[in-house]
Amino acid sequence: MIRGKKETVKWLLRNGWWCAALAIASAAAAVQYQTWTEAKHGQALVLESRSLAQVSDQQWVDAERSARESLRKEPTSGRAWFLLGLSLHYQKRFPEARSAFESSIKFGHESYLGYYNIACGHALLGNEQEALHNLTTAVEEGFCDVDWMQEDPDLASIRSNEQFGALVNSLTGTRNPDAMK
């Protein structure tokens, strides 16, 4: 099914794919400011755009392939590393995804998204303390969608932890005992 950018982002948000929707919106905005005629970066940007479209269509293997091709041409693209991380995460290849998200942070892509997704991977693997540490770092770096934190199925395993509740409370500015859903 082919969708326009706005429809795809709306669909992703409605279906709990917050991080993918943010990645699409972020990448789409950034692509608008890129100069497609630059020979050095042009091919890498085309491949990034292809990977972005494949992420939005949940074609994880194809998105991984396109992101890797882009990184061969532009190995310092934080956005391409992030797209690679997303594609690996949704293939449940969490250690590889973590490494890609770490590279996305290193090369300047929105660090709070990288740390948030690293936290998700750790939570899914049962690494509670690592998940909480990276989630805390994500919040410190600017992640502020407390509603999604409380709904994201990736974080279900850490939601009952007191530290998670404290983190939610720090974002909402309350001491609500119901914060730990």
N, C-alpha and C. Protein backbone atom coordinates (compact mmCIF):
# COMPACT_ATOMS: atom_id res chain seq x y z
N MET A 1 0.84 -1.17 0.00
CA MET A 1 0.00 0.00 0.00
C MET A 1 0.88 1.23 0.00
N ILE A 2 0.68 2.11 -0.92
CA ILE A 2 1.48 3.33 -1.03
C ILE A 2 0.73 4.46 -0.33
N ARG A 3 1.45 5.17 0.52
CA ARG A 3 0.86 6.29 1.23
C ARG A 3 1.73 7.52 1.03
N GLY A 4 1.12 8.69 1.18
CA GLY A 4 1.89 9.92 1.19
C GLY A 4 2.59 10.05 2.53
N LYS A 5 3.53 11.00 2.64
CA LYS A 5 4.29 11.16 3.87
C LYS A 5 3.37 11.44 5.06
N LYS A 6 2.43 12.39 4.91
CA LYS A 6 1.55 12.73 6.02
C LYS A 6 0.70 11.55 6.45
N GLU A 7 0.15 10.83 5.47
CA GLU A 7 -0.69 9.67 5.80
C GLU A 7 0.12 8.59 6.49
N THR A 8 1.34 8.37 6.03
CA THR A 8 2.20 7.35 6.63
C THR A 8 2.51 7.71 8.07
N VAL A 9 2.89 8.96 8.32
CA VAL A 9 3.21 9.39 9.68
C VAL A 9 1.98 9.25 10.58
N LYS A 10 0.82 9.67 10.10
CA LYS A 10 -0.41 9.54 10.90
C LYS A 10 -0.69 8.07 11.21
N TRP A 11 -0.54 7.19 10.21
CA TRP A 11 -0.79 5.77 10.41
C TRP A 11 0.17 5.21 11.45
N LEU A 12 1.45 5.58 11.34
CA LEU A 12 2.44 5.07 12.28
C LEU A 12 2.12 5.52 13.70
N LEU A 13 1.73 6.79 13.86
CA LEU A 13 1.40 7.30 15.19
C LEU A 13 0.18 6.59 15.76
N ARG A 14 -0.85 6.39 14.94
CA ARG A 14 -2.05 5.71 15.41
C ARG A 14 -1.77 4.27 15.82
N ASN A 15 -0.79 3.66 15.20
CA ASN A 15 -0.51 2.25 15.46
C ASN A 15 0.70 2.02 16.37
N GLY A 16 1.08 3.04 17.10
CA GLY A 16 2.13 2.88 18.11
C GLY A 16 3.55 2.86 17.58
N TRP A 17 3.77 3.31 16.38
CA TRP A 17 5.12 3.32 15.81
C TRP A 17 5.71 4.73 15.95
N TRP A 18 5.68 5.25 17.16
CA TRP A 18 6.07 6.63 17.42
C TRP A 18 7.49 6.91 16.92
N CYS A 19 8.42 6.06 17.26
CA CYS A 19 9.83 6.31 16.89
C CYS A 19 10.00 6.32 15.37
N ALA A 20 9.34 5.37 14.69
CA ALA A 20 9.44 5.34 13.23
C ALA A 20 8.81 6.60 12.64
N ALA A 21 7.66 7.03 13.18
CA ALA A 21 7.00 8.24 12.68
C ALA A 21 7.90 9.46 12.87
N LEU A 22 8.54 9.55 14.03
CA LEU A 22 9.43 10.67 14.28
C LEU A 22 10.64 10.62 13.35
N ALA A 23 11.14 9.43 13.12
CA ALA A 23 12.28 9.29 12.21
C ALA A 23 11.90 9.73 10.80
N ILE A 24 10.71 9.36 10.37
CA ILE A 24 10.26 9.74 9.03
C ILE A 24 10.10 11.25 8.94
N ALA A 25 9.42 11.84 9.93
CA ALA A 25 9.21 13.28 9.90
C ALA A 25 10.55 14.02 9.95
N SER A 26 11.45 13.54 10.80
CA SER A 26 12.76 14.16 10.93
C SER A 26 13.57 14.03 9.65
N ALA A 27 13.61 12.83 9.11
CA ALA A 27 14.38 12.60 7.89
C ALA A 27 13.77 13.35 6.71
N ALA A 28 12.45 13.39 6.64
CA ALA A 28 11.79 14.09 5.54
C ALA A 28 12.13 15.57 5.58
N ALA A 29 12.12 16.16 6.77
CA ALA A 29 12.46 17.57 6.91
C ALA A 29 13.92 17.81 6.54
N ALA A 30 14.79 16.91 6.98
CA ALA A 30 16.21 17.08 6.69
C ALA A 30 16.50 16.93 5.20
N VAL A 31 15.83 15.98 4.57
CA VAL A 31 16.05 15.74 3.15
C VAL A 31 15.68 16.97 2.33
N GLN A 32 14.66 17.72 2.77
CA GLN A 32 14.25 18.92 2.06
C GLN A 32 15.38 19.94 1.98
N TYR A 33 16.28 19.92 2.97
CA TYR A 33 17.35 20.90 3.02
C TYR A 33 18.66 20.40 2.39
N GLN A 34 18.66 19.18 1.96
CA GLN A 34 19.87 18.63 1.35
C GLN A 34 19.96 19.05 -0.12
N THR A 35 21.12 19.18 -0.61
CA THR A 35 21.33 19.47 -2.02
C THR A 35 21.56 18.16 -2.75
N TRP A 36 20.55 17.78 -3.53
CA TRP A 36 20.59 16.49 -4.20
C TRP A 36 21.63 16.45 -5.32
N THR A 37 22.10 17.59 -5.74
CA THR A 37 23.04 17.62 -6.85
C THR A 37 24.49 17.43 -6.42
N GLU A 38 24.75 17.41 -5.12
CA GLU A 38 26.12 17.21 -4.68
C GLU A 38 26.54 15.78 -4.99
N ALA A 39 27.57 15.64 -5.78
CA ALA A 39 27.99 14.32 -6.23
C ALA A 39 28.39 13.41 -5.06
N LYS A 40 29.11 13.96 -4.11
CA LYS A 40 29.61 13.14 -3.01
C LYS A 40 28.49 12.56 -2.16
N HIS A 41 27.43 13.35 -1.92
CA HIS A 41 26.38 12.92 -1.01
C HIS A 41 25.10 12.47 -1.70
N GLY A 42 24.97 12.76 -2.97
CA GLY A 42 23.72 12.48 -3.69
C GLY A 42 23.28 11.04 -3.64
N GLN A 43 24.16 10.11 -3.96
CA GLN A 43 23.77 8.70 -3.96
C GLN A 43 23.42 8.21 -2.57
N ALA A 44 24.19 8.65 -1.57
CA ALA A 44 23.91 8.23 -0.20
C ALA A 44 22.53 8.74 0.24
N LEU A 45 22.19 9.96 -0.16
CA LEU A 45 20.89 10.52 0.22
C LEU A 45 19.75 9.77 -0.47
N VAL A 46 19.95 9.39 -1.70
CA VAL A 46 18.93 8.62 -2.41
C VAL A 46 18.71 7.30 -1.69
N LEU A 47 19.79 6.66 -1.28
CA LEU A 47 19.68 5.38 -0.56
C LEU A 47 19.05 5.57 0.82
N GLU A 48 19.38 6.67 1.50
CA GLU A 48 18.74 6.97 2.78
C GLU A 48 17.23 7.14 2.59
N SER A 49 16.86 7.86 1.55
CA SER A 49 15.44 8.08 1.27
C SER A 49 14.74 6.76 0.98
N ARG A 50 15.41 5.89 0.25
CA ARG A 50 14.84 4.57 -0.03
C ARG A 50 14.66 3.80 1.28
N SER A 51 15.68 3.83 2.14
CA SER A 51 15.58 3.14 3.43
C SER A 51 14.44 3.72 4.26
N LEU A 52 14.30 5.03 4.25
CA LEU A 52 13.23 5.70 4.98
C LEU A 52 11.86 5.24 4.49
N ALA A 53 11.69 5.17 3.19
CA ALA A 53 10.42 4.69 2.63
C ALA A 53 10.17 3.24 3.03
N GLN A 54 11.22 2.44 3.04
CA GLN A 54 11.07 1.03 3.40
C GLN A 54 10.75 0.87 4.89
N VAL A 55 11.32 1.73 5.73
CA VAL A 55 10.96 1.72 7.15
C VAL A 55 9.48 2.06 7.29
N SER A 56 9.03 3.07 6.57
CA SER A 56 7.62 3.47 6.69
C SER A 56 6.68 2.38 6.20
N ASP A 57 7.15 1.54 5.29
CA ASP A 57 6.35 0.42 4.81
C ASP A 57 6.62 -0.88 5.59
N GLN A 58 7.42 -0.77 6.64
CA GLN A 58 7.78 -1.90 7.50
C GLN A 58 8.49 -3.01 6.72
N GLN A 59 9.27 -2.64 5.75
CA GLN A 59 10.08 -3.59 4.98
C GLN A 59 11.48 -3.60 5.58
N TRP A 60 11.60 -4.26 6.72
CA TRP A 60 12.80 -4.15 7.54
C TRP A 60 14.05 -4.65 6.85
N VAL A 61 13.99 -5.77 6.16
CA VAL A 61 15.18 -6.33 5.50
C VAL A 61 15.63 -5.40 4.38
N ASP A 62 14.68 -4.92 3.58
CA ASP A 62 15.04 -3.99 2.51
C ASP A 62 15.57 -2.68 3.07
N ALA A 63 14.97 -2.20 4.16
CA ALA A 63 15.44 -0.96 4.79
C ALA A 63 16.87 -1.13 5.30
N GLU A 64 17.14 -2.29 5.87
CA GLU A 64 18.50 -2.58 6.33
C GLU A 64 19.48 -2.53 5.16
N ARG A 65 19.12 -3.19 4.07
CA ARG A 65 19.99 -3.23 2.90
C ARG A 65 20.27 -1.81 2.37
N SER A 66 19.23 -1.01 2.24
CA SER A 66 19.40 0.36 1.73
C SER A 66 20.24 1.21 2.67
N ALA A 67 20.00 1.07 3.98
CA ALA A 67 20.79 1.84 4.94
C ALA A 67 22.26 1.45 4.87
N ARG A 68 22.52 0.15 4.75
CA ARG A 68 23.92 -0.31 4.65
C ARG A 68 24.58 0.21 3.36
N GLU A 69 23.84 0.20 2.26
CA GLU A 69 24.38 0.75 1.01
C GLU A 69 24.69 2.24 1.17
N SER A 70 23.79 2.96 1.81
CA SER A 70 24.01 4.38 2.06
C SER A 70 25.26 4.60 2.90
N LEU A 71 25.43 3.78 3.92
CA LEU A 71 26.58 3.92 4.82
C LEU A 71 27.90 3.58 4.12
N ARG A 72 27.86 2.73 3.11
CA ARG A 72 29.07 2.47 2.34
C ARG A 72 29.52 3.73 1.59
N LYS A 73 28.56 4.55 1.20
CA LYS A 73 28.89 5.78 0.48
C LYS A 73 29.13 6.96 1.42
N GLU A 74 28.45 6.96 2.56
CA GLU A 74 28.55 8.07 3.51
C GLU A 74 28.55 7.49 4.93
N PRO A 75 29.70 6.97 5.39
CA PRO A 75 29.76 6.25 6.66
C PRO A 75 29.53 7.11 7.91
N THR A 76 29.50 8.42 7.76
CA THR A 76 29.29 9.29 8.91
C THR A 76 27.88 9.87 8.96
N SER A 77 26.96 9.27 8.23
CA SER A 77 25.58 9.76 8.24
C SER A 77 24.84 9.23 9.47
N GLY A 78 24.60 10.10 10.43
CA GLY A 78 23.87 9.70 11.63
C GLY A 78 22.47 9.21 11.31
N ARG A 79 21.83 9.83 10.32
CA ARG A 79 20.47 9.43 9.94
C ARG A 79 20.46 8.01 9.36
N ALA A 80 21.44 7.69 8.51
CA ALA A 80 21.51 6.34 7.94
C ALA A 80 21.77 5.31 9.03
N TRP A 81 22.63 5.64 10.00
CA TRP A 81 22.87 4.72 11.11
C TRP A 81 21.58 4.52 11.90
N PHE A 82 20.80 5.60 12.10
CA PHE A 82 19.54 5.47 12.83
C PHE A 82 18.57 4.57 12.08
N LEU A 83 18.44 4.76 10.78
CA LEU A 83 17.54 3.92 9.98
C LEU A 83 17.99 2.46 10.01
N LEU A 84 19.29 2.24 9.98
CA LEU A 84 19.81 0.88 10.11
C LEU A 84 19.41 0.31 11.48
N GLY A 85 19.57 1.11 12.52
CA GLY A 85 19.19 0.66 13.86
C GLY A 85 17.72 0.28 13.94
N LEU A 86 16.85 1.11 13.37
CA LEU A 86 15.41 0.80 13.38
C LEU A 86 15.13 -0.51 12.65
N SER A 87 15.74 -0.66 11.48
CA SER A 87 15.47 -1.88 10.70
C SER A 87 15.95 -3.13 11.45
N LEU A 88 17.07 -3.03 12.12
CA LEU A 88 17.59 -4.17 12.89
C LEU A 88 16.74 -4.42 14.14
N HIS A 89 16.32 -3.35 14.80
CA HIS A 89 15.49 -3.48 16.00
C HIS A 89 14.21 -4.25 15.69
N TYR A 90 13.54 -3.86 14.60
CA TYR A 90 12.28 -4.51 14.27
C TYR A 90 12.47 -5.91 13.67
N GLN A 91 13.72 -6.28 13.40
CA GLN A 91 14.03 -7.67 13.05
C GLN A 91 14.47 -8.45 14.30
N LYS A 92 14.37 -7.79 15.44
CA LYS A 92 14.73 -8.37 16.74
C LYS A 92 16.21 -8.72 16.83
N ARG A 93 17.03 -7.95 16.16
CA ARG A 93 18.48 -8.12 16.20
C ARG A 93 19.04 -6.99 17.07
N PHE A 94 18.70 -7.09 18.36
CA PHE A 94 18.92 -5.99 19.29
C PHE A 94 20.38 -5.60 19.51
N PRO A 95 21.32 -6.53 19.67
CA PRO A 95 22.71 -6.11 19.84
C PRO A 95 23.24 -5.32 18.62
N GLU A 96 22.89 -5.77 17.42
CA GLU A 96 23.31 -5.05 16.21
C GLU A 96 22.62 -3.69 16.15
N ALA A 97 21.35 -3.65 16.52
CA ALA A 97 20.60 -2.39 16.51
C ALA A 97 21.24 -1.41 17.48
N ARG A 98 21.61 -1.89 18.67
CA ARG A 98 22.24 -1.02 19.67
C ARG A 98 23.51 -0.39 19.10
N SER A 99 24.31 -1.19 18.44
CA SER A 99 25.54 -0.68 17.85
C SER A 99 25.24 0.41 16.80
N ALA A 100 24.22 0.17 15.97
CA ALA A 100 23.84 1.16 14.96
C ALA A 100 23.33 2.44 15.61
N PHE A 101 22.52 2.30 16.66
CA PHE A 101 22.02 3.50 17.35
C PHE A 101 23.16 4.26 18.01
N GLU A 102 24.13 3.55 18.56
CA GLU A 102 25.30 4.21 19.14
C GLU A 102 26.06 4.99 18.08
N SER A 103 26.17 4.43 16.88
CA SER A 103 26.82 5.16 15.78
C SER A 103 26.00 6.37 15.36
N SER A 104 24.67 6.24 15.37
CA SER A 104 23.84 7.38 15.00
C SER A 104 24.06 8.53 15.98
N ILE A 105 24.20 8.20 17.25
CA ILE A 105 24.48 9.22 18.27
C ILE A 105 25.86 9.83 18.02
N LYS A 106 26.83 8.99 17.78
CA LYS A 106 28.21 9.44 17.54
C LYS A 106 28.28 10.42 16.37
N PHE A 107 27.48 10.16 15.32
CA PHE A 107 27.54 11.00 14.13
C PHE A 107 26.46 12.08 14.10
N GLY A 108 25.91 12.40 15.28
CA GLY A 108 25.10 13.60 15.40
C GLY A 108 23.62 13.51 15.13
N HIS A 109 23.10 12.30 14.93
CA HIS A 109 21.64 12.21 14.80
C HIS A 109 21.03 12.41 16.18
N GLU A 110 19.78 12.76 16.24
CA GLU A 110 19.10 13.11 17.49
C GLU A 110 19.35 12.05 18.55
N SER A 111 20.23 12.38 19.50
CA SER A 111 20.71 11.39 20.46
C SER A 111 19.60 10.81 21.32
N TYR A 112 18.60 11.61 21.66
CA TYR A 112 17.54 11.08 22.52
C TYR A 112 16.81 9.92 21.87
N LEU A 113 16.68 9.94 20.53
CA LEU A 113 16.04 8.81 19.84
C LEU A 113 16.91 7.57 19.88
N GLY A 114 18.20 7.75 19.72
CA GLY A 114 19.11 6.61 19.80
C GLY A 114 19.08 5.96 21.18
N TYR A 115 19.19 6.80 22.23
CA TYR A 115 19.17 6.25 23.58
C TYR A 115 17.83 5.60 23.91
N TYR A 116 16.73 6.20 23.46
CA TYR A 116 15.41 5.62 23.70
C TYR A 116 15.32 4.23 23.09
N ASN A 117 15.77 4.10 21.85
CA ASN A 117 15.68 2.80 21.18
C ASN A 117 16.66 1.78 21.76
N ILE A 118 17.80 2.24 22.23
CA ILE A 118 18.72 1.34 22.94
C ILE A 118 18.03 0.83 24.21
N ALA A 119 17.34 1.72 24.91
CA ALA A 119 16.60 1.31 26.11
C ALA A 119 15.55 0.26 25.76
N CYS A 120 14.85 0.46 24.67
CA CYS A 120 13.83 -0.50 24.24
C CYS A 120 14.45 -1.88 24.00
N GLY A 121 15.57 -1.91 23.31
CA GLY A 121 16.24 -3.18 23.04
C GLY A 121 16.66 -3.89 24.32
N HIS A 122 17.23 -3.12 25.25
CA HIS A 122 17.63 -3.72 26.54
C HIS A 122 16.42 -4.25 27.29
N ALA A 123 15.33 -3.49 27.29
CA ALA A 123 14.12 -3.93 27.99
C ALA A 123 13.61 -5.24 27.38
N LEU A 124 13.62 -5.34 26.07
CA LEU A 124 13.15 -6.56 25.41
C LEU A 124 14.05 -7.75 25.69
N LEU A 125 15.32 -7.49 25.96
CA LEU A 125 16.26 -8.57 26.28
C LEU A 125 16.29 -8.89 27.78
N GLY A 126 15.53 -8.12 28.57
CA GLY A 126 15.48 -8.36 30.01
C GLY A 126 16.60 -7.70 30.79
N ASN A 127 17.31 -6.78 30.17
CA ASN A 127 18.39 -6.05 30.83
C ASN A 127 17.82 -4.79 31.47
N GLU A 128 17.15 -4.97 32.61
CA GLU A 128 16.39 -3.89 33.24
C GLU A 128 17.24 -2.66 33.56
N GLN A 129 18.37 -2.85 34.20
CA GLN A 129 19.18 -1.69 34.61
C GLN A 129 19.74 -0.94 33.40
N GLU A 130 20.18 -1.68 32.39
CA GLU A 130 20.68 -1.02 31.17
C GLU A 130 19.56 -0.26 30.48
N ALA A 131 18.36 -0.85 30.47
CA ALA A 131 17.21 -0.19 29.85
C ALA A 131 16.90 1.12 30.59
N LEU A 132 16.85 1.05 31.90
CA LEU A 132 16.55 2.25 32.70
C LEU A 132 17.64 3.30 32.56
N HIS A 133 18.88 2.87 32.53
CA HIS A 133 19.99 3.82 32.35
C HIS A 133 19.86 4.56 31.01
N ASN A 134 19.62 3.82 29.93
CA ASN A 134 19.51 4.46 28.61
C ASN A 134 18.23 5.28 28.48
N LEU A 135 17.16 4.85 29.12
CA LEU A 135 15.93 5.64 29.10
C LEU A 135 16.14 6.96 29.84
N THR A 136 16.84 6.91 30.96
CA THR A 136 17.16 8.13 31.70
C THR A 136 18.01 9.07 30.84
N THR A 137 18.98 8.50 30.15
CA THR A 137 19.83 9.32 29.27
C THR A 137 19.00 9.92 28.14
N ALA A 138 18.06 9.15 27.59
CA ALA A 138 17.18 9.67 26.53
C ALA A 138 16.41 10.88 27.02
N VAL A 139 15.90 10.80 28.23
CA VAL A 139 15.15 11.93 28.80
C VAL A 139 16.09 13.11 29.01
N GLU A 140 17.28 12.85 29.54
CA GLU A 140 18.25 13.93 29.74
C GLU A 140 18.63 14.60 28.42
N GLU A 141 18.62 13.83 27.33
CA GLU A 141 18.98 14.36 26.02
C GLU A 141 17.81 15.02 25.29
N GLY A 142 16.60 14.92 25.86
CA GLY A 142 15.47 15.62 25.27
C GLY A 142 14.23 14.81 24.97
N PHE A 143 14.25 13.51 25.21
CA PHE A 143 13.04 12.72 24.98
C PHE A 143 12.00 13.13 26.01
N CYS A 144 10.78 13.42 25.56
CA CYS A 144 9.78 13.93 26.50
C CYS A 144 8.38 13.35 26.29
N ASP A 145 8.24 12.34 25.47
CA ASP A 145 6.91 11.78 25.20
C ASP A 145 6.56 10.75 26.27
N VAL A 146 6.12 11.27 27.43
CA VAL A 146 5.82 10.41 28.56
C VAL A 146 4.65 9.47 28.26
N ASP A 147 3.69 9.93 27.47
CA ASP A 147 2.57 9.06 27.13
C ASP A 147 3.05 7.82 26.37
N TRP A 148 3.95 8.03 25.42
CA TRP A 148 4.45 6.89 24.66
C TRP A 148 5.30 5.98 25.54
N MET A 149 6.09 6.56 26.45
CA MET A 149 6.88 5.73 27.36
C MET A 149 5.96 4.79 28.14
N GLN A 150 4.80 5.26 28.52
CA GLN A 150 3.88 4.46 29.32
C GLN A 150 3.11 3.45 28.47
N GLU A 151 3.10 3.62 27.15
CA GLU A 151 2.37 2.72 26.27
C GLU A 151 3.26 1.79 25.45
N ASP A 152 4.50 2.20 25.22
CA ASP A 152 5.38 1.46 24.32
C ASP A 152 5.53 0.01 24.80
N PRO A 153 5.10 -0.95 23.98
CA PRO A 153 5.20 -2.35 24.41
C PRO A 153 6.65 -2.80 24.63
N ASP A 154 7.60 -2.15 24.00
CA ASP A 154 9.00 -2.51 24.20
C ASP A 154 9.44 -2.29 25.65
N LEU A 155 8.81 -1.36 26.34
CA LEU A 155 9.21 -1.02 27.71
C LEU A 155 8.36 -1.70 28.78
N ALA A 156 7.48 -2.60 28.38
CA ALA A 156 6.57 -3.24 29.33
C ALA A 156 7.30 -3.90 30.50
N SER A 157 8.46 -4.48 30.24
CA SER A 157 9.16 -5.23 31.29
C SER A 157 9.75 -4.34 32.38
N ILE A 158 9.87 -3.04 32.14
CA ILE A 158 10.46 -2.16 33.16
C ILE A 158 9.45 -1.18 33.75
N ARG A 159 8.23 -1.23 33.28
CA ARG A 159 7.23 -0.26 33.72
C ARG A 159 6.91 -0.33 35.22
N SER A 160 7.02 -1.49 35.82
CA SER A 160 6.71 -1.63 37.25
C SER A 160 7.90 -1.24 38.14
N ASN A 161 9.03 -0.94 37.55
CA ASN A 161 10.21 -0.56 38.32
C ASN A 161 10.02 0.85 38.89
N GLU A 162 10.41 1.05 40.14
CA GLU A 162 10.26 2.35 40.79
C GLU A 162 11.03 3.44 40.04
N GLN A 163 12.18 3.09 39.49
CA GLN A 163 12.97 4.08 38.75
C GLN A 163 12.21 4.55 37.51
N PHE A 164 11.49 3.66 36.85
CA PHE A 164 10.67 4.05 35.71
C PHE A 164 9.60 5.04 36.17
N GLY A 165 8.94 4.73 37.27
CA GLY A 165 7.92 5.63 37.81
C GLY A 165 8.48 6.99 38.15
N ALA A 166 9.67 7.00 38.74
CA ALA A 166 10.31 8.28 39.07
C ALA A 166 10.63 9.07 37.81
N LEU A 167 11.05 8.37 36.77
CA LEU A 167 11.37 9.04 35.51
C LEU A 167 10.10 9.65 34.90
N VAL A 168 9.01 8.89 34.92
CA VAL A 168 7.73 9.40 34.43
C VAL A 168 7.33 10.63 35.24
N ASN A 169 7.45 10.54 36.56
CA ASN A 169 7.10 11.66 37.42
C ASN A 169 7.95 12.89 37.15
N SER A 170 9.23 12.66 36.83
CA SER A 170 10.10 13.80 36.54
C SER A 170 9.67 14.52 35.27
N LEU A 171 9.09 13.77 34.34
CA LEU A 171 8.62 14.38 33.09
C LEU A 171 7.28 15.08 33.26
N THR A 172 6.45 14.53 34.12
CA THR A 172 5.12 15.12 34.31
C THR A 172 5.12 16.14 35.43
N GLY A 173 6.17 16.15 36.24
CA GLY A 173 6.25 17.10 37.34
C GLY A 173 5.30 16.76 38.48
N THR A 174 4.96 15.48 38.60
CA THR A 174 4.03 15.06 39.65
C THR A 174 4.65 13.96 40.49
N ARG A 175 3.96 13.64 41.53
CA ARG A 175 4.32 12.48 42.36
C ARG A 175 3.14 11.52 42.34
N ASN A 176 2.69 11.21 41.16
CA ASN A 176 1.50 10.38 40.97
C ASN A 176 1.87 8.91 41.15
N PRO A 177 1.29 8.22 42.13
CA PRO A 177 1.60 6.79 42.31
C PRO A 177 1.09 5.93 41.17
N ASP A 178 0.16 6.45 40.37
CA ASP A 178 -0.35 5.70 39.22
C ASP A 178 0.56 5.83 38.01
N ALA A 179 1.67 6.54 38.14
CA ALA A 179 2.58 6.76 37.00
C ALA A 179 3.17 5.45 36.51
N MET A 180 3.30 4.48 37.41
CA MET A 180 3.86 3.18 37.01
C MET A 180 2.71 2.28 36.59
N LYS A 181 2.38 2.33 35.33
CA LYS A 181 1.28 1.52 34.80
C LYS A 181 1.74 0.11 34.54
